[in-house]
């Protein structure tokens, strides 16, 4: 697919109705972060406690909205990437992220492909789940390899709308108990619900892909504090849609499966699809499976693109000065967006020391190398399963990432590296501080559960 010409008109923020038409990166970030595992966690919470935990889903949405806004504010306010911020904090930050992104990509590649394989197998049969999973990985590789950001955003937006419409339609179809929903907004902790509450608040939509949001802003041509208002609208739209989506799944789980002892694996969604088919007919079962497929495929494509951009920038950043020697701030040229001229003084492009060049990132060797890493080595795990030691390392490193992101944003957004109008104030600091504590609790809970 040919790459669209850089949209230089985006160098000035849109006004009026054009703001709505410009929304995009926030949809990608929010949709990518919600995969099959999040659907299952929400469904199981609904089946176990009804809509009593609705408040936790709402709080979780607000926490992710605040973190997404902070990621976007760092990129626009500093003119630098997330990796630039981490290298200013020191090699400990970039070193941790480098290890994490390699291990995460290997394990998550298999997880993402398997999640897409399940609805494909249920819809079409023919191949086993593993065969559909491997095919989905290759299709994702090809689509991300040949597309450029603006075409990718449009394609993803269509899938996001499909998954949103199907799940919300099913939630309306099953007939939510409105008084019970309103009652679920009152914070309560039924016996045995703590793990589910922590999962709804900290887990749903919270992954490494949150850090990719700023790279999609740069790819779209948004750079500088003048874009803060547009970014906030974009980010809020994505996470409000995610919140409605999560609440819809909670409603479906609580209405259709309340009291059932469900498996906490992706196959639990097939159980739900079969139950919907039995109650409302085969067309509703197929509709839900199409929504399930849209959820898993948007998550796969978003990871294949967004996390590959993160790895591309890591390859650049790890070879640049760290700590106080790192020259980062609104007066420095740390990133070049489409529509800006990339001169020799600004940098040599992605994968080499210099400024991050958004227009060249998707064609770079590190980007395509990580795409291959996400796709082909994980296919071995589709055949042999995930070894326990690898799963343990993956889980522990993953538990550290969200508190790592929240704490580093709290540190970075209170420095002079960020333009004054983009720096954190008391509300943002309070939310990031509370989020850091919340994710620290989740970290301890998850690591303890894995080691005992």
Protein backbone atom coordinates (compact mmCIF):
# COMPACT_ATOMS: atom_id res chain seq x y z
CA UNK A 1 0.00 0.00 0.00
CA UNK A 2 1.48 3.32 -0.99
CA UNK A 3 2.39 5.73 1.75
CA UNK A 4 0.26 8.90 1.84
CA UNK A 5 2.12 12.16 1.49
CA UNK A 6 2.97 13.89 4.79
CA UNK A 7 0.00 15.93 5.95
CA UNK A 8 1.72 19.24 6.54
CA UNK A 9 -1.60 20.95 7.29
CA UNK A 10 -1.52 19.05 10.59
CA UNK A 11 1.40 21.21 11.70
CA UNK A 12 -1.25 23.63 12.98
CA UNK A 13 -3.96 22.24 15.31
CA UNK A 14 -7.45 21.98 13.80
CA UNK A 15 -10.38 23.95 15.11
CA UNK A 16 -14.12 23.35 15.33
CA UNK A 17 -15.48 20.23 13.65
CA UNK A 18 -12.05 19.42 12.20
CA UNK A 19 -10.97 18.44 15.71
CA UNK A 20 -13.40 15.53 15.67
CA UNK A 21 -12.17 14.40 12.25
CA UNK A 22 -8.57 14.50 13.50
CA UNK A 23 -9.12 12.08 16.38
CA UNK A 24 -7.06 8.92 15.88
CA UNK A 25 -3.97 8.13 18.00
CA UNK A 26 -6.08 7.93 21.17
CA UNK A 27 -8.36 5.33 19.59
CA UNK A 28 -5.31 3.28 18.62
CA UNK A 29 -3.73 3.45 22.09
CA UNK A 30 -6.93 2.63 23.97
CA UNK A 31 -7.98 -0.15 21.57
CA UNK A 32 -4.55 -1.76 21.48
CA UNK A 33 -4.40 -1.94 25.27
CA UNK A 34 -7.68 -3.88 25.52
CA UNK A 35 -7.21 -7.46 24.38
CA UNK A 36 -8.88 -10.81 24.93
CA UNK A 37 -7.40 -11.14 28.42
CA UNK A 38 -9.06 -7.88 29.47
CA UNK A 39 -12.39 -9.05 28.07
CA UNK A 40 -12.10 -12.29 30.04
CA UNK A 41 -11.14 -10.50 33.27
CA UNK A 42 -14.15 -8.19 32.93
CA UNK A 43 -16.49 -11.03 32.01
CA UNK A 44 -15.36 -13.16 34.96
CA UNK A 45 -15.75 -10.20 37.33
CA UNK A 46 -19.30 -9.71 36.06
CA UNK A 47 -20.12 -13.41 36.33
CA UNK A 48 -18.75 -13.54 39.89
CA UNK A 49 -20.11 -10.30 41.37
CA UNK A 50 -22.66 -8.92 38.92
CA UNK A 51 -22.41 -5.17 38.40
CA UNK A 52 -21.26 -4.52 41.99
CA UNK A 53 -17.72 -3.84 40.70
CA UNK A 54 -18.80 -1.33 38.06
CA UNK A 55 -17.14 1.44 40.07
CA UNK A 56 -13.78 -0.31 39.72
CA UNK A 57 -14.11 -0.39 35.92
CA UNK A 58 -14.89 3.35 35.93
CA UNK A 59 -11.93 4.13 38.20
CA UNK A 60 -9.68 2.01 36.00
CA UNK A 61 -10.76 3.94 32.92
CA UNK A 62 -10.01 7.27 34.63
CA UNK A 63 -6.58 6.04 35.74
CA UNK A 64 -5.66 4.96 32.19
CA UNK A 65 -7.04 8.22 30.79
CA UNK A 66 -4.76 10.17 33.14
CA UNK A 67 -1.72 8.06 32.26
CA UNK A 68 -2.41 8.38 28.52
CA UNK A 69 -2.72 12.15 28.90
CA UNK A 70 0.59 12.24 30.77
CA UNK A 71 2.35 10.24 28.05
CA UNK A 72 0.98 12.59 25.38
CA UNK A 73 1.85 15.66 27.47
CA UNK A 74 5.47 14.51 27.80
CA UNK A 75 5.89 14.08 24.05
CA UNK A 76 4.21 17.37 23.12
CA UNK A 77 5.63 19.41 25.99
CA UNK A 78 9.23 18.25 25.67
CA UNK A 79 9.39 17.58 21.93
CA UNK A 80 11.14 14.33 22.88
CA UNK A 81 10.16 10.67 22.96
CA UNK A 82 9.47 8.46 25.96
CA UNK A 83 12.86 6.80 25.49
CA UNK A 84 14.53 10.21 25.58
CA UNK A 85 12.89 10.82 28.94
CA UNK A 86 14.03 7.46 30.26
CA UNK A 87 17.62 7.99 29.12
CA UNK A 88 17.64 11.27 31.02
CA UNK A 89 16.80 9.23 34.13
CA UNK A 90 19.76 6.94 33.48
CA UNK A 91 20.80 3.56 32.08
CA UNK A 92 18.74 1.76 34.73
CA UNK A 93 15.56 2.94 32.97
CA UNK A 94 16.58 2.20 29.38
CA UNK A 95 18.26 -1.03 30.48
CA UNK A 96 15.12 -2.30 32.21
CA UNK A 97 12.99 -1.37 29.23
CA UNK A 98 15.37 -3.05 26.77
CA UNK A 99 15.22 -6.37 28.62
CA UNK A 100 11.48 -6.09 29.11
CA UNK A 101 10.58 -5.30 25.49
CA UNK A 102 12.57 -8.28 24.17
CA UNK A 103 11.09 -10.81 26.63
CA UNK A 104 7.61 -9.26 26.37
CA UNK A 105 7.60 -9.38 22.58
CA UNK A 106 8.53 -13.07 22.48
CA UNK A 107 5.81 -14.18 24.90
CA UNK A 108 3.13 -11.69 23.90
CA UNK A 109 3.54 -12.52 20.23
CA UNK A 110 2.24 -16.04 20.91
CA UNK A 111 -0.50 -14.73 23.22
CA UNK A 112 -1.78 -12.22 20.67
CA UNK A 113 -1.77 -14.69 17.79
CA UNK A 114 -3.57 -17.35 19.87
CA UNK A 115 -6.22 -14.81 20.87
CA UNK A 116 -6.96 -14.05 17.21
CA UNK A 117 -6.93 -17.75 16.33
CA UNK A 118 -9.78 -18.59 18.71
CA UNK A 119 -12.57 -16.54 17.06
CA UNK A 120 -11.27 -17.37 13.57
CA UNK A 121 -11.50 -21.07 14.36
CA UNK A 122 -14.98 -20.64 15.88
CA UNK A 123 -16.19 -18.66 12.86
CA UNK A 124 -14.65 -20.58 9.98
CA UNK A 125 -13.28 -23.90 11.27
CA UNK A 126 -10.95 -25.61 8.79
CA UNK A 127 -7.63 -24.93 10.50
CA UNK A 128 -6.85 -25.67 14.15
CA UNK A 129 -6.53 -22.67 16.48
CA UNK A 130 -2.73 -22.76 16.14
CA UNK A 131 -2.97 -22.63 12.35
CA UNK A 132 -5.30 -19.64 12.41
CA UNK A 133 -3.06 -18.01 15.04
CA UNK A 134 0.07 -18.32 12.89
CA UNK A 135 -1.84 -17.06 9.83
CA UNK A 136 -3.08 -14.03 11.80
CA UNK A 137 0.47 -13.21 12.86
CA UNK A 138 1.72 -13.27 9.27
CA UNK A 139 -1.23 -11.17 8.04
CA UNK A 140 -0.53 -8.64 10.80
CA UNK A 141 3.15 -8.58 9.82
CA UNK A 142 2.34 -7.88 6.18
CA UNK A 143 -0.23 -5.19 6.94
CA UNK A 144 2.06 -3.30 9.31
CA UNK A 145 5.10 -3.79 7.05
CA UNK A 146 3.47 -2.20 3.98
CA UNK A 147 1.19 0.42 5.56
CA UNK A 148 2.24 3.84 6.81
CA UNK A 149 0.73 5.58 9.78
CA UNK A 150 -2.18 7.47 8.19
CA UNK A 151 -3.45 4.40 6.32
CA UNK A 152 -2.87 2.28 9.43
CA UNK A 153 -4.90 4.67 11.58
CA UNK A 154 -7.88 4.58 9.21
CA UNK A 155 -7.85 0.78 9.04
CA UNK A 156 -7.62 0.48 12.83
CA UNK A 157 -10.41 3.01 13.36
CA UNK A 158 -12.79 0.84 11.32
CA UNK A 159 -11.95 -2.21 13.45
CA UNK A 160 -12.36 -0.16 16.65
CA UNK A 161 -15.84 0.96 15.58
CA UNK A 162 -16.82 -2.64 14.74
CA UNK A 163 -15.72 -4.00 18.10
CA UNK A 164 -17.33 -1.11 19.99
CA UNK A 165 -20.64 -1.40 18.15
CA UNK A 166 -20.91 -5.20 18.46
CA UNK A 167 -20.20 -5.41 22.19
CA UNK A 168 -22.40 -2.43 23.08
CA UNK A 169 -25.22 -3.88 20.93
CA UNK A 170 -24.97 -7.23 22.74
CA UNK A 171 -25.01 -5.44 26.12
CA UNK A 172 -28.19 -3.59 25.13
CA UNK A 173 -29.70 -6.80 23.76
CA UNK A 174 -29.27 -8.72 27.02
CA UNK A 175 -31.16 -5.96 28.84
CA UNK A 176 -29.00 -4.34 31.54
CA UNK A 177 -30.59 -3.75 34.95
CA UNK A 178 -30.24 0.04 35.09
CA UNK A 179 -30.87 0.40 38.89
CA UNK A 180 -28.25 -2.29 39.55
CA UNK A 181 -25.83 -0.49 37.24
CA UNK A 182 -26.30 2.78 39.12
CA UNK A 183 -25.90 0.92 42.41
CA UNK A 184 -22.61 -0.48 41.10
CA UNK A 185 -21.15 3.03 41.01
CA UNK A 186 -21.01 2.98 44.83
CA UNK A 187 -17.56 1.64 45.87
CA UNK A 188 -17.87 -1.69 47.70
CA UNK A 189 -15.62 -4.69 48.25
CA UNK A 190 -17.60 -7.92 48.49
CA UNK A 191 -15.78 -10.85 50.07
CA UNK A 192 -13.24 -12.32 47.67
CA UNK A 193 -13.42 -9.41 45.23
CA UNK A 194 -10.10 -7.67 45.97
CA UNK A 195 -8.17 -9.42 43.18
CA UNK A 196 -10.92 -8.62 40.66
CA UNK A 197 -11.05 -4.97 41.76
CA UNK A 198 -7.29 -4.60 41.39
CA UNK A 199 -7.48 -6.25 37.99
CA UNK A 200 -10.27 -3.98 36.76
CA UNK A 201 -8.52 -0.84 37.98
CA UNK A 202 -4.96 -1.68 37.06
CA UNK A 203 -5.13 -4.33 34.39
CA UNK A 204 -7.76 -3.48 31.79
CA UNK A 205 -6.17 -1.39 29.05
CA UNK A 206 -2.88 -1.00 30.91
CA UNK A 207 0.09 -2.38 29.00
CA UNK A 208 3.36 -1.37 27.35
CA UNK A 209 1.27 -0.01 24.48
CA UNK A 210 0.36 3.04 26.60
CA UNK A 211 3.93 4.22 26.05
CA UNK A 212 3.39 4.03 22.28
CA UNK A 213 0.78 6.81 22.32
CA UNK A 214 3.32 9.61 21.91
CA UNK A 215 4.91 7.91 18.92
CA UNK A 216 1.56 7.83 17.16
CA UNK A 217 1.14 11.55 17.97
CA UNK A 218 4.46 12.26 16.28
CA UNK A 219 3.60 10.00 13.33
CA UNK A 220 0.43 12.05 12.80
CA UNK A 221 2.48 15.27 12.75
CA UNK A 222 1.47 16.57 16.20
CA UNK A 223 4.31 18.24 18.05
CA UNK A 224 4.60 21.08 20.56
CA UNK A 225 2.44 22.46 23.40
CA UNK A 226 -0.03 23.99 20.93
CA UNK A 227 -1.33 20.44 20.39
CA UNK A 228 -2.16 19.81 24.07
CA UNK A 229 -5.87 20.60 23.71
CA UNK A 230 -6.24 18.38 20.66
CA UNK A 231 -4.32 15.58 22.36
CA UNK A 232 -6.55 15.72 25.44
CA UNK A 233 -9.68 15.43 23.30
CA UNK A 234 -8.12 12.58 21.33
CA UNK A 235 -7.00 10.69 24.44
CA UNK A 236 -10.30 11.23 26.28
CA UNK A 237 -12.30 9.96 23.29
CA UNK A 238 -10.28 6.75 23.17
CA UNK A 239 -10.57 5.96 26.86
CA UNK A 240 -14.22 6.99 27.21
CA UNK A 241 -15.02 4.53 24.42
CA UNK A 242 -12.90 1.94 26.25
CA UNK A 243 -14.81 2.61 29.47
CA UNK A 244 -18.17 2.11 27.74
CA UNK A 245 -16.80 -1.05 26.13
CA UNK A 246 -15.59 -2.48 29.47
CA UNK A 247 -18.89 -1.65 31.19
CA UNK A 248 -20.72 -3.39 28.34
CA UNK A 249 -18.68 -6.56 28.87
CA UNK A 250 -19.36 -6.38 32.61
CA UNK A 251 -23.09 -6.14 31.86
CA UNK A 252 -22.98 -9.10 29.47
CA UNK A 253 -21.00 -11.24 31.93
CA UNK A 254 -23.24 -10.36 34.88
CA UNK A 255 -26.48 -10.92 32.94
CA UNK A 256 -25.67 -14.08 31.00
CA UNK A 257 -23.13 -15.87 33.19
CA UNK A 258 -23.81 -14.71 36.77
CA UNK A 259 -22.89 -17.38 39.30
CA UNK A 260 -21.00 -19.63 36.86
CA UNK A 261 -17.47 -20.81 37.60
CA UNK A 262 -15.70 -19.67 34.46
CA UNK A 263 -12.21 -20.38 33.22
CA UNK A 264 -9.97 -17.32 33.20
CA UNK A 265 -8.60 -18.06 29.75
CA UNK A 266 -9.49 -16.64 26.37
CA UNK A 267 -11.62 -19.72 25.66
CA UNK A 268 -14.11 -18.39 28.23
CA UNK A 269 -15.24 -15.93 25.55
CA UNK A 270 -16.23 -18.87 23.35
CA UNK A 271 -18.39 -20.11 26.23
CA UNK A 272 -20.09 -16.72 26.30
CA UNK A 273 -20.57 -16.76 22.51
CA UNK A 274 -22.23 -20.20 22.70
CA UNK A 275 -24.52 -19.05 25.50
CA UNK A 276 -25.54 -15.95 23.51
CA UNK A 277 -26.28 -18.19 20.53
CA UNK A 278 -28.45 -20.47 22.63
CA UNK A 279 -30.43 -17.55 24.05
CA UNK A 280 -30.69 -15.18 21.09
CA UNK A 281 -29.89 -17.23 18.00
CA UNK A 282 -26.92 -17.97 15.78
CA UNK A 283 -26.71 -14.43 14.27
CA UNK A 284 -26.00 -12.98 17.73
CA UNK A 285 -23.34 -15.62 18.36
CA UNK A 286 -21.66 -14.73 15.07
CA UNK A 287 -21.95 -11.01 15.82
CA UNK A 288 -20.23 -11.46 19.18
CA UNK A 289 -17.48 -13.56 17.59
CA UNK A 290 -16.92 -10.80 15.00
CA UNK A 291 -16.57 -8.35 17.89
CA UNK A 292 -14.20 -10.77 19.65
CA UNK A 293 -12.13 -11.01 16.45
CA UNK A 294 -12.04 -7.20 16.10
CA UNK A 295 -10.85 -6.86 19.70
CA UNK A 296 -8.03 -9.36 19.31
CA UNK A 297 -6.94 -8.24 15.84
CA UNK A 298 -6.81 -4.53 16.79
CA UNK A 299 -4.70 -5.48 19.79
CA UNK A 300 -2.35 -7.54 17.59
CA UNK A 301 -1.99 -4.85 14.92
CA UNK A 302 -1.52 -2.10 17.51
CA UNK A 303 1.26 -4.05 19.19
CA UNK A 304 2.91 -4.99 15.90
CA UNK A 305 3.06 -1.28 15.02
CA UNK A 306 3.31 0.59 18.32
CA UNK A 307 5.73 -1.64 20.22
CA UNK A 308 7.91 -1.93 17.12
CA UNK A 309 8.15 1.88 17.16
CA UNK A 310 9.18 1.73 20.81
CA UNK A 311 11.91 -0.81 20.02
CA UNK A 312 13.08 1.29 17.08
CA UNK A 313 13.50 4.26 19.38
CA UNK A 314 15.22 2.15 22.04
CA UNK A 315 17.88 1.17 19.48
CA UNK A 316 18.46 4.88 18.85
CA UNK A 317 18.30 6.03 22.45
CA UNK A 318 20.52 3.40 24.05
CA UNK A 319 23.52 4.78 22.12
CA UNK A 320 22.90 8.40 23.06
CA UNK A 321 24.16 10.19 26.19
CA UNK A 322 22.31 9.32 29.40
CA UNK A 323 21.72 11.12 32.66
CA UNK A 324 22.59 14.78 32.90
CA UNK A 325 24.53 14.57 29.64
CA UNK A 326 21.28 14.00 27.74
CA UNK A 327 20.19 17.30 26.16
CA UNK A 328 16.39 17.09 26.27
CA UNK A 329 13.76 19.80 26.28
CA UNK A 330 11.55 22.04 24.15
CA UNK A 331 14.59 23.99 22.92
CA UNK A 332 16.35 20.83 21.68
CA UNK A 333 15.53 18.85 18.55
CA UNK A 334 15.00 15.32 19.84
CA UNK A 335 12.26 14.31 17.38
CA UNK A 336 11.28 15.26 13.84
CA UNK A 337 7.68 14.78 12.69
CA UNK A 338 6.24 14.56 9.15
CA UNK A 339 6.20 18.00 7.59
CA UNK A 340 9.43 19.05 9.31
CA UNK A 341 12.64 18.92 7.34
CA UNK A 342 15.14 16.44 8.79
CA UNK A 343 18.60 17.97 8.39
CA UNK A 344 21.92 16.37 9.10
CA UNK A 345 22.20 18.41 12.28
CA UNK A 346 18.92 16.99 13.53
CA UNK A 347 19.86 13.36 13.19
CA UNK A 348 20.52 10.32 11.11
CA UNK A 349 17.13 8.71 11.49
CA UNK A 350 15.73 5.82 13.49
CA UNK A 351 18.12 3.13 14.63
CA UNK A 352 21.13 5.49 14.57
CA UNK A 353 22.23 8.21 17.00
CA UNK A 354 20.42 11.49 16.48
CA UNK A 355 16.83 12.69 16.56
CA UNK A 356 13.88 10.34 16.30
CA UNK A 357 12.44 10.74 12.80
CA UNK A 358 8.80 9.68 12.81
CA UNK A 359 8.47 9.65 9.02
CA UNK A 360 11.27 7.09 8.65
CA UNK A 361 10.65 4.90 11.69
CA UNK A 362 8.25 2.45 10.01
CA UNK A 363 10.74 1.78 7.22
CA UNK A 364 13.73 1.27 9.49
CA UNK A 365 15.65 -1.96 10.07
CA UNK A 366 14.97 -2.06 13.86
CA UNK A 367 11.22 -1.63 13.23
CA UNK A 368 11.06 -4.47 10.75
CA UNK A 369 13.43 -6.62 12.79
CA UNK A 370 11.17 -6.35 15.84
CA UNK A 371 8.13 -7.09 13.65
CA UNK A 372 9.78 -10.36 12.67
CA UNK A 373 10.65 -11.03 16.34
CA UNK A 374 6.99 -10.59 17.33
CA UNK A 375 5.78 -12.91 14.58
CA UNK A 376 8.02 -15.91 13.92
CA UNK A 377 9.93 -16.98 17.09
CA UNK A 378 6.70 -16.95 19.18
CA UNK A 379 5.20 -19.51 16.80
CA UNK A 380 7.32 -22.09 18.63
CA UNK A 381 5.32 -21.33 21.77
CA UNK A 382 2.12 -22.07 19.86
CA UNK A 383 3.39 -25.63 19.50
CA UNK A 384 5.16 -26.33 22.81
CA UNK A 385 3.39 -23.95 25.20
CA UNK A 386 5.11 -21.42 27.44
CA UNK A 387 7.90 -22.79 29.67
CA UNK A 388 7.29 -21.96 33.34
CA UNK A 389 10.54 -20.02 33.83
CA UNK A 390 9.86 -17.85 30.78
CA UNK A 391 6.29 -17.22 31.90
CA UNK A 392 7.54 -16.23 35.36
CA UNK A 393 10.11 -13.74 34.00
CA UNK A 394 7.51 -12.32 31.60
CA UNK A 395 4.95 -11.91 34.36
CA UNK A 396 7.31 -10.33 36.89
CA UNK A 397 8.77 -7.87 34.37
CA UNK A 398 5.25 -7.02 33.20
CA UNK A 399 4.15 -6.32 36.77
CA UNK A 400 6.94 -3.77 37.07
CA UNK A 401 6.10 -1.88 33.86
CA UNK A 402 2.97 0.05 34.86
CA UNK A 403 4.44 1.39 38.15
CA UNK A 404 7.64 2.12 36.19
CA UNK A 405 5.66 4.17 33.65
CA UNK A 406 3.63 6.04 36.29
CA UNK A 407 6.63 6.90 38.48
CA UNK A 408 8.86 8.00 35.59
CA UNK A 409 6.10 10.24 34.21
CA UNK A 410 5.67 11.76 37.67
CA UNK A 411 9.39 12.56 37.72
CA UNK A 412 9.71 13.82 34.14
CA UNK A 413 6.64 16.04 33.99
CA UNK A 414 7.82 18.20 36.89
CA UNK A 415 11.09 19.25 35.25
CA UNK A 416 12.21 22.09 33.01
CA UNK A 417 12.59 19.57 30.20
CA UNK A 418 8.86 20.19 29.65
CA UNK A 419 7.39 23.48 28.47
CA UNK A 420 5.74 25.34 31.35
CA UNK A 421 2.18 24.91 30.04
CA UNK A 422 2.70 21.13 29.85
CA UNK A 423 4.14 20.58 33.31
CA UNK A 424 2.16 18.71 35.92
CA UNK A 425 0.13 20.63 38.46
CA UNK A 426 -1.35 19.47 41.73
CA UNK A 427 -4.20 17.43 40.20
CA UNK A 428 -2.02 15.62 37.70
CA UNK A 429 0.63 14.96 40.35
CA UNK A 430 -2.02 13.63 42.72
CA UNK A 431 -3.45 11.26 40.09
CA UNK A 432 -0.02 10.03 39.00
CA UNK A 433 1.02 9.60 42.64
CA UNK A 434 -2.11 7.59 43.49
CA UNK A 435 -1.68 5.56 40.29
CA UNK A 436 1.92 4.80 41.24
CA UNK A 437 0.79 3.50 44.65
CA UNK A 438 -2.00 1.49 43.06
CA UNK A 439 0.32 -0.14 40.56
CA UNK A 440 2.83 -0.83 43.35
CA UNK A 441 0.11 -2.76 45.21
CA UNK A 442 -0.71 -4.63 42.01
CA UNK A 443 3.00 -5.37 41.56
CA UNK A 444 3.35 -6.89 45.03
CA UNK A 445 0.10 -8.85 44.68
CA UNK A 446 1.02 -10.24 41.26
CA UNK A 447 4.61 -11.15 42.08
CA UNK A 448 3.53 -12.80 45.36
CA UNK A 449 0.89 -14.79 43.51
CA UNK A 450 3.40 -15.97 40.91
CA UNK A 451 6.03 -17.00 43.44
CA UNK A 452 3.72 -18.83 45.86
